[in-house]
Amino acid sequence: GVFPRLNASLLHAGNWDQTIVSLVGKAVSFDGQETLEFECVDGGKIQVQVSPDFNFEPGKSIEIMGAAGEDKTVQHFISRALGEDFDADNYNRLVSKVLNNPKYADLFGV
C-alpha cells in the first residue's frame, strides 16, 4: 500500500492520528515489554509501541510501519532491516525535501 514516509519532525508537526506511516531509523532502547525508543533519520526520537517479543537490535537501520497515534507515538505493525550500508542522511533529505513537499504532490500524493 501507499502511506506517508515520515521522519520524527514530520510526525510531530502533522496530524497523522490513525494514519499508517513509515519511519526509518535505529532502535535506541527497549523496555522489554511494549515501548521502543526509536531514533528517526532526522535524529529525532519517537516512542513505538511493540509486542514483548519484538526483536530488539540496537543501532541497526530498520523501517517501521504502523499506526500513528494522537500522542505522536506509533503502534508497530511490521518492520524490516535495511542493511549495514543504509544512507540515513540521503533518505532524510528524500523524505523531508521531496516526498512531503506539496510541490511534488502530483507525483507522490502529498
C-alpha atoms as a PDB file:
ATOM      1  CA  GLY A   1       0.000   0.000   0.000  1.00  0.00           C
ATOM      2  CA  VAL A   2       0.864   3.647  -0.185  1.00  0.00           C
ATOM      3  CA  PHE A   3       1.358   5.516   3.055  1.00  0.00           C
ATOM      4  CA  PRO A   4       3.314   8.581   4.219  1.00  0.00           C
ATOM      5  CA  ARG A   5       7.045   8.206   4.754  1.00  0.00           C
ATOM      6  CA  LEU A   6       7.959  10.432   7.676  1.00  0.00           C
ATOM      7  CA  ASN A   7      10.777  11.418   9.979  1.00  0.00           C
ATOM      8  CA  ALA A   8      10.308  12.455  13.621  1.00  0.00           C
ATOM      9  CA  SER A   9       9.889  16.153  12.791  1.00  0.00           C
ATOM     10  CA  LEU A  10       7.141  15.445  10.270  1.00  0.00           C
ATOM     11  CA  LEU A  11       5.381  13.045  12.656  1.00  0.00           C
ATOM     12  CA  HIS A  12       5.390  15.639  15.457  1.00  0.00           C
ATOM     13  CA  ALA A  13       4.351  18.518  13.184  1.00  0.00           C
ATOM     14  CA  GLY A  14       1.468  16.844  11.388  1.00  0.00           C
ATOM     15  CA  ASN A  15      -1.947  15.423  12.109  1.00  0.00           C
ATOM     16  CA  TRP A  16      -1.320  11.743  11.427  1.00  0.00           C
ATOM     17  CA  ASP A  17      -3.706  10.249  14.017  1.00  0.00           C
ATOM     18  CA  GLN A  18      -4.722   6.725  12.950  1.00  0.00           C
ATOM     19  CA  THR A  19      -2.741   7.020   9.702  1.00  0.00           C
ATOM     20  CA  ILE A  20      -0.467   4.155   8.712  1.00  0.00           C
ATOM     21  CA  VAL A  21       3.016   5.632   8.390  1.00  0.00           C
ATOM     22  CA  SER A  22       6.553   4.504   7.629  1.00  0.00           C
ATOM     23  CA  LEU A  23       9.540   5.658   9.692  1.00  0.00           C
ATOM     24  CA  VAL A  24      13.183   4.775   9.143  1.00  0.00           C
ATOM     25  CA  GLY A  25      15.899   4.936  11.760  1.00  0.00           C
ATOM     26  CA  LYS A  26      17.505   2.935  14.543  1.00  0.00           C
ATOM     27  CA  ALA A  27      16.216   1.286  17.696  1.00  0.00           C
ATOM     28  CA  VAL A  28      17.755   3.024  20.708  1.00  0.00           C
ATOM     29  CA  SER A  29      16.252   1.272  23.719  1.00  0.00           C
ATOM     30  CA  PHE A  30      13.514  -1.213  24.591  1.00  0.00           C
ATOM     31  CA  ASP A  31      11.846  -1.674  27.964  1.00  0.00           C
ATOM     32  CA  GLY A  32      11.366  -5.398  27.252  1.00  0.00           C
ATOM     33  CA  GLN A  33       7.590  -5.032  27.421  1.00  0.00           C
ATOM     34  CA  GLU A  34       5.997  -2.658  24.940  1.00  0.00           C
ATOM     35  CA  THR A  35       7.907   0.608  24.471  1.00  0.00           C
ATOM     36  CA  LEU A  36      10.696   1.054  21.945  1.00  0.00           C
ATOM     37  CA  GLU A  37      12.626   4.308  21.736  1.00  0.00           C
ATOM     38  CA  PHE A  38      13.376   4.904  18.067  1.00  0.00           C
ATOM     39  CA  GLU A  39      15.729   7.477  16.549  1.00  0.00           C
ATOM     40  CA  CYS A  40      14.473   8.533  13.121  1.00  0.00           C
ATOM     41  CA  VAL A  41      16.731   9.516  10.227  1.00  0.00           C
ATOM     42  CA  ASP A  42      16.460  13.212  11.190  1.00  0.00           C
ATOM     43  CA  GLY A  43      17.859  12.482  14.665  1.00  0.00           C
ATOM     44  CA  GLY A  44      14.511  12.984  16.395  1.00  0.00           C
ATOM     45  CA  LYS A  45      13.250  10.327  18.767  1.00  0.00           C
ATOM     46  CA  ILE A  46       9.805   8.784  18.975  1.00  0.00           C
ATOM     47  CA  GLN A  47       8.131   6.084  21.032  1.00  0.00           C
ATOM     48  CA  VAL A  48       6.915   2.955  19.249  1.00  0.00           C
ATOM     49  CA  GLN A  49       4.518   0.532  20.913  1.00  0.00           C
ATOM     50  CA  VAL A  50       5.655  -3.036  20.181  1.00  0.00           C
ATOM     51  CA  SER A  51       4.905  -6.535  21.447  1.00  0.00           C
ATOM     52  CA  PRO A  52       7.161  -8.074  24.135  1.00  0.00           C
ATOM     53  CA  ASP A  53       8.646 -10.449  21.545  1.00  0.00           C
ATOM     54  CA  PHE A  54       9.911  -7.575  19.356  1.00  0.00           C
ATOM     55  CA  ASN A  55      13.388  -8.413  18.017  1.00  0.00           C
ATOM     56  CA  PHE A  56      15.371  -5.514  19.523  1.00  0.00           C
ATOM     57  CA  GLU A  57      18.683  -4.948  17.744  1.00  0.00           C
ATOM     58  CA  PRO A  58      20.138  -1.618  18.887  1.00  0.00           C
ATOM     59  CA  GLY A  59      21.853   0.532  16.285  1.00  0.00           C
ATOM     60  CA  LYS A  60      20.634  -1.344  13.201  1.00  0.00           C
ATOM     61  CA  SER A  61      18.810   0.584  10.480  1.00  0.00           C
ATOM     62  CA  ILE A  62      15.191  -0.517  10.154  1.00  0.00           C
ATOM     63  CA  GLU A  63      11.915   0.646   8.680  1.00  0.00           C
ATOM     64  CA  ILE A  64       8.907   0.562  10.981  1.00  0.00           C
ATOM     65  CA  MET A  65       5.379   0.679   9.623  1.00  0.00           C
ATOM     66  CA  GLY A  66       2.471   1.257  11.938  1.00  0.00           C
ATOM     67  CA  ALA A  67      -0.411   3.463  13.003  1.00  0.00           C
ATOM     68  CA  ALA A  68       0.413   6.931  14.264  1.00  0.00           C
ATOM     69  CA  GLY A  69      -1.411   7.931  17.416  1.00  0.00           C
ATOM     70  CA  GLU A  70      -2.797  11.271  18.507  1.00  0.00           C
ATOM     71  CA  ASP A  71       0.012  11.387  21.100  1.00  0.00           C
ATOM     72  CA  LYS A  72       2.654  11.149  18.302  1.00  0.00           C
ATOM     73  CA  THR A  73       3.588   7.557  19.131  1.00  0.00           C
ATOM     74  CA  VAL A  74       3.406   4.738  16.591  1.00  0.00           C
ATOM     75  CA  GLN A  75       1.774   1.331  17.071  1.00  0.00           C
ATOM     76  CA  HIS A  76       4.156  -1.132  15.390  1.00  0.00           C
ATOM     77  CA  PHE A  77       2.645  -3.370  12.690  1.00  0.00           C
ATOM     78  CA  ILE A  78       5.737  -4.596  10.851  1.00  0.00           C
ATOM     79  CA  SER A  79       9.410  -3.749  10.476  1.00  0.00           C
ATOM     80  CA  ARG A  80      12.278  -4.728   8.224  1.00  0.00           C
ATOM     81  CA  ALA A  81      16.053  -4.451   8.332  1.00  0.00           C
ATOM     82  CA  LEU A  82      17.643  -2.090   5.825  1.00  0.00           C
ATOM     83  CA  GLY A  83      21.243  -3.277   5.817  1.00  0.00           C
ATOM     84  CA  GLU A  84      24.584  -2.044   7.059  1.00  0.00           C
ATOM     85  CA  ASP A  85      25.216   0.486   4.279  1.00  0.00           C
ATOM     86  CA  PHE A  86      21.893   2.341   4.504  1.00  0.00           C
ATOM     87  CA  ASP A  87      22.386   6.109   3.967  1.00  0.00           C
ATOM     88  CA  ALA A  88      20.169   7.762   6.602  1.00  0.00           C
ATOM     89  CA  ASP A  89      21.131  11.323   5.630  1.00  0.00           C
ATOM     90  CA  ASN A  90      20.209  10.774   1.991  1.00  0.00           C
ATOM     91  CA  TYR A  91      16.904   9.137   2.966  1.00  0.00           C
ATOM     92  CA  ASN A  92      16.093  12.012   5.334  1.00  0.00           C
ATOM     93  CA  ARG A  93      16.631  14.524   2.522  1.00  0.00           C
ATOM     94  CA  LEU A  94      14.302  12.489   0.285  1.00  0.00           C
ATOM     95  CA  VAL A  95      11.593  12.361   2.968  1.00  0.00           C
ATOM     96  CA  SER A  96      11.812  15.984   4.074  1.00  0.00           C
ATOM     97  CA  LYS A  97      12.531  17.775   0.798  1.00  0.00           C
ATOM     98  CA  VAL A  98      10.774  15.656  -1.853  1.00  0.00           C
ATOM     99  CA  LEU A  99       8.202  13.102  -0.669  1.00  0.00           C
ATOM    100  CA  ASN A 100       6.396  15.503   1.697  1.00  0.00           C
ATOM    101  CA  ASN A 101       6.775  18.648  -0.416  1.00  0.00           C
ATOM    102  CA  PRO A 102       3.464  19.947  -1.814  1.00  0.00           C
ATOM    103  CA  LYS A 103       5.346  20.936  -4.975  1.00  0.00           C
ATOM    104  CA  TYR A 104       5.542  17.219  -5.818  1.00  0.00           C
ATOM    105  CA  ALA A 105       2.023  16.244  -4.695  1.00  0.00           C
ATOM    106  CA  ASP A 106       1.084  15.012  -8.161  1.00  0.00           C
ATOM    107  CA  LEU A 107       3.989  12.584  -8.106  1.00  0.00           C
ATOM    108  CA  PHE A 108       3.902  11.369  -4.521  1.00  0.00           C
ATOM    109  CA  GLY A 109       0.372  12.085  -3.262  1.00  0.00           C
ATOM    110  CA  VAL A 110       1.396  14.596  -0.591  1.00  0.00           C
END
